Amino acid sequence: MLKGIDPLLTPELLKVLAEMGHGNEIVIADANFTAASLAAGKPLIHLSGVGIARTVKAVMSLLPLDQDVSQPVGFMQVSHQPAGWCSALQKHIIGELQADGHADESQCEAIERFAFYERVKQAYAIVLTGELQPYGNFILKKGVICEPLAG
């Protein structure tokens, strides 16, 4: 155990978060996500006993979001619903990101299901949770922690 680090963050997940560079993406996926086939050689971390919201909160306790892009957060759009429609889980996570000062709603992008799968292929790692709500899949793009730019 370490002080100040969420105990949900396993050594394997901490290593992945530390290795990720600016612009790398991590996927936080629900239990039904096709993680094993899409991981294809990248780290696949199992957090089977926990849901998406708790996992996103733990990851965001250490991960800075990319401020150089307009939408550093992506989530899987729910199929067969009108544009802009979000599940209760998606609304909750976006609300938590906003409440914690990480991102506002405009920085969260709904991504069509198959486009989401294609983007996942480029991600650095996938965290597979035990979340049973469908379409509970999020992508977080890592930013930087730095000193002010000297001029």
Protein backbone atom coordinates (compact mmCIF):
# COMPACT_ATOMS: atom_id res chain seq x y z
CA MET A 1 0.00 0.00 0.00
CA LEU A 2 1.08 3.55 -0.69
CA LYS A 3 -0.13 6.77 0.85
CA GLY A 4 -2.38 8.94 -1.26
CA ILE A 5 -2.92 6.38 -4.02
CA ASP A 6 -6.34 4.84 -4.53
CA PRO A 7 -6.08 1.15 -3.50
CA LEU A 8 -8.05 0.19 -6.63
CA LEU A 9 -4.98 1.12 -8.70
CA THR A 10 -3.08 -2.16 -8.90
CA PRO A 11 0.69 -2.25 -9.45
CA GLU A 12 0.07 -3.29 -13.07
CA LEU A 13 -2.31 -0.37 -13.65
CA LEU A 14 0.04 2.10 -11.94
CA LYS A 15 2.85 0.91 -14.23
CA VAL A 16 0.68 1.42 -17.33
CA LEU A 17 -0.40 4.91 -16.24
CA ALA A 18 3.23 5.87 -15.59
CA GLU A 19 4.41 4.48 -18.94
CA MET A 20 1.76 6.28 -20.97
CA GLY A 21 2.95 9.40 -22.73
CA HIS A 22 1.22 12.59 -23.78
CA GLY A 23 -1.59 11.73 -26.19
CA ASN A 24 -1.73 8.02 -25.31
CA GLU A 25 -5.20 6.71 -24.55
CA ILE A 26 -6.48 4.23 -21.98
CA VAL A 27 -9.80 2.43 -22.37
CA ILE A 28 -12.01 1.74 -19.36
CA ALA A 29 -14.41 -0.96 -20.53
CA ASP A 30 -17.51 -2.76 -19.30
CA ALA A 31 -17.61 -6.51 -18.67
CA ASN A 32 -19.09 -7.27 -22.11
CA PHE A 33 -16.46 -5.38 -24.09
CA THR A 34 -14.42 -7.29 -26.68
CA ALA A 35 -11.22 -6.47 -24.81
CA ALA A 36 -9.17 -9.60 -25.44
CA SER A 37 -9.39 -9.39 -29.23
CA LEU A 38 -8.97 -5.60 -29.37
CA ALA A 39 -6.05 -5.57 -26.92
CA ALA A 40 -3.85 -7.37 -29.50
CA GLY A 41 -0.55 -7.23 -27.65
CA LYS A 42 -1.24 -4.20 -25.50
CA PRO A 43 -1.76 -4.35 -21.72
CA LEU A 44 -5.14 -5.75 -20.70
CA ILE A 45 -5.84 -5.21 -17.01
CA HIS A 46 -8.75 -6.98 -15.30
CA LEU A 47 -10.65 -5.23 -12.51
CA SER A 48 -13.54 -7.69 -12.45
CA GLY A 49 -14.97 -6.73 -9.06
CA VAL A 50 -15.54 -3.05 -9.77
CA GLY A 51 -17.62 -0.87 -12.08
CA ILE A 52 -16.79 1.81 -14.60
CA ALA A 53 -17.57 4.85 -12.44
CA ARG A 54 -15.29 3.73 -9.60
CA THR A 55 -12.52 2.80 -12.04
CA VAL A 56 -12.69 6.12 -13.90
CA LYS A 57 -12.56 7.99 -10.57
CA ALA A 58 -9.48 6.03 -9.46
CA VAL A 59 -7.66 6.47 -12.78
CA MET A 60 -8.49 10.18 -12.90
CA SER A 61 -6.98 10.63 -9.43
CA LEU A 62 -3.58 10.33 -11.19
CA LEU A 63 -4.14 10.86 -14.91
CA PRO A 64 -4.04 14.38 -16.35
CA LEU A 65 -6.30 14.81 -19.38
CA ASP A 66 -4.88 16.20 -22.62
CA GLN A 67 -5.59 19.93 -22.79
CA ASP A 68 -4.32 20.19 -26.37
CA VAL A 69 -7.41 18.50 -27.82
CA SER A 70 -11.01 19.64 -27.58
CA GLN A 71 -12.38 16.27 -26.44
CA PRO A 72 -9.92 14.21 -24.34
CA VAL A 73 -12.76 11.95 -23.17
CA GLY A 74 -14.62 9.61 -25.49
CA PHE A 75 -17.45 7.20 -24.73
CA MET A 76 -19.34 4.61 -26.73
CA GLN A 77 -22.53 6.02 -28.18
CA VAL A 78 -25.57 3.90 -27.36
CA SER A 79 -26.85 2.19 -30.51
CA HIS A 80 -30.42 2.76 -31.69
CA GLN A 81 -30.76 6.01 -29.71
CA PRO A 82 -30.93 9.56 -31.04
CA ALA A 83 -27.73 11.63 -31.21
CA GLY A 84 -26.94 13.17 -27.84
CA TRP A 85 -28.72 10.46 -25.85
CA CYS A 86 -26.69 9.14 -22.89
CA SER A 87 -27.33 6.29 -20.48
CA ALA A 88 -27.64 7.03 -16.77
CA LEU A 89 -24.15 5.59 -16.26
CA GLN A 90 -22.65 7.80 -18.97
CA LYS A 91 -24.38 10.87 -17.50
CA HIS A 92 -23.07 9.96 -14.04
CA ILE A 93 -19.46 9.58 -15.18
CA ILE A 94 -19.52 12.78 -17.25
CA GLY A 95 -21.06 14.55 -14.24
CA GLU A 96 -18.31 13.21 -11.96
CA LEU A 97 -15.60 14.31 -14.40
CA GLN A 98 -17.13 17.78 -14.40
CA ALA A 99 -17.66 17.92 -10.62
CA ASP A 100 -14.05 16.88 -10.00
CA GLY A 101 -12.76 19.55 -12.41
CA HIS A 102 -11.34 17.13 -14.98
CA ALA A 103 -13.56 17.85 -18.01
CA ASP A 104 -16.85 19.48 -18.81
CA GLU A 105 -19.59 17.93 -20.93
CA SER A 106 -18.33 19.58 -24.14
CA GLN A 107 -14.97 17.80 -23.69
CA CYS A 108 -16.67 14.38 -23.76
CA GLU A 109 -17.29 12.90 -27.20
CA ALA A 110 -19.89 10.25 -28.05
CA ILE A 111 -18.27 7.82 -30.52
CA GLU A 112 -20.29 5.47 -32.71
CA ARG A 113 -19.80 1.84 -31.63
CA PHE A 114 -17.70 0.59 -34.56
CA ALA A 115 -15.67 3.79 -34.71
CA PHE A 116 -15.04 3.30 -30.99
CA TYR A 117 -13.67 -0.20 -31.67
CA GLU A 118 -11.31 1.21 -34.32
CA ARG A 119 -10.05 3.88 -31.93
CA VAL A 120 -9.49 1.28 -29.21
CA LYS A 121 -7.05 -0.52 -31.54
CA GLN A 122 -4.76 2.53 -31.19
CA ALA A 123 -5.10 2.79 -27.39
CA TYR A 124 -2.15 2.13 -25.11
CA ALA A 125 -4.05 -0.19 -22.75
CA ILE A 126 -7.49 -1.53 -21.85
CA VAL A 127 -8.91 -1.89 -18.34
CA LEU A 128 -11.72 -4.46 -18.32
CA THR A 129 -14.07 -3.91 -15.38
CA GLY A 130 -16.97 -5.89 -14.00
CA GLU A 131 -19.49 -3.24 -15.10
CA LEU A 132 -22.71 -4.88 -16.31
CA GLN A 133 -24.32 -1.76 -17.81
CA PRO A 134 -23.91 -1.94 -21.60
CA TYR A 135 -22.19 0.92 -23.44
CA GLY A 136 -20.18 1.78 -20.32
CA ASN A 137 -16.96 2.18 -22.28
CA PHE A 138 -14.76 5.27 -21.98
CA ILE A 139 -11.49 6.42 -23.55
CA LEU A 140 -9.25 8.85 -21.65
CA LYS A 141 -6.44 10.71 -23.45
CA LYS A 142 -3.43 11.46 -21.25
CA GLY A 143 -2.08 14.98 -21.00
CA VAL A 144 1.03 16.33 -19.32
CA ILE A 145 2.14 17.44 -15.88
CA CYS A 146 4.78 20.12 -16.27
CA GLU A 147 6.28 23.33 -15.09
CA PRO A 148 5.20 26.58 -16.74
CA LEU A 149 6.89 27.02 -20.10
CA ALA A 150 9.98 29.18 -19.79
CA GLY A 151 10.31 31.88 -22.40
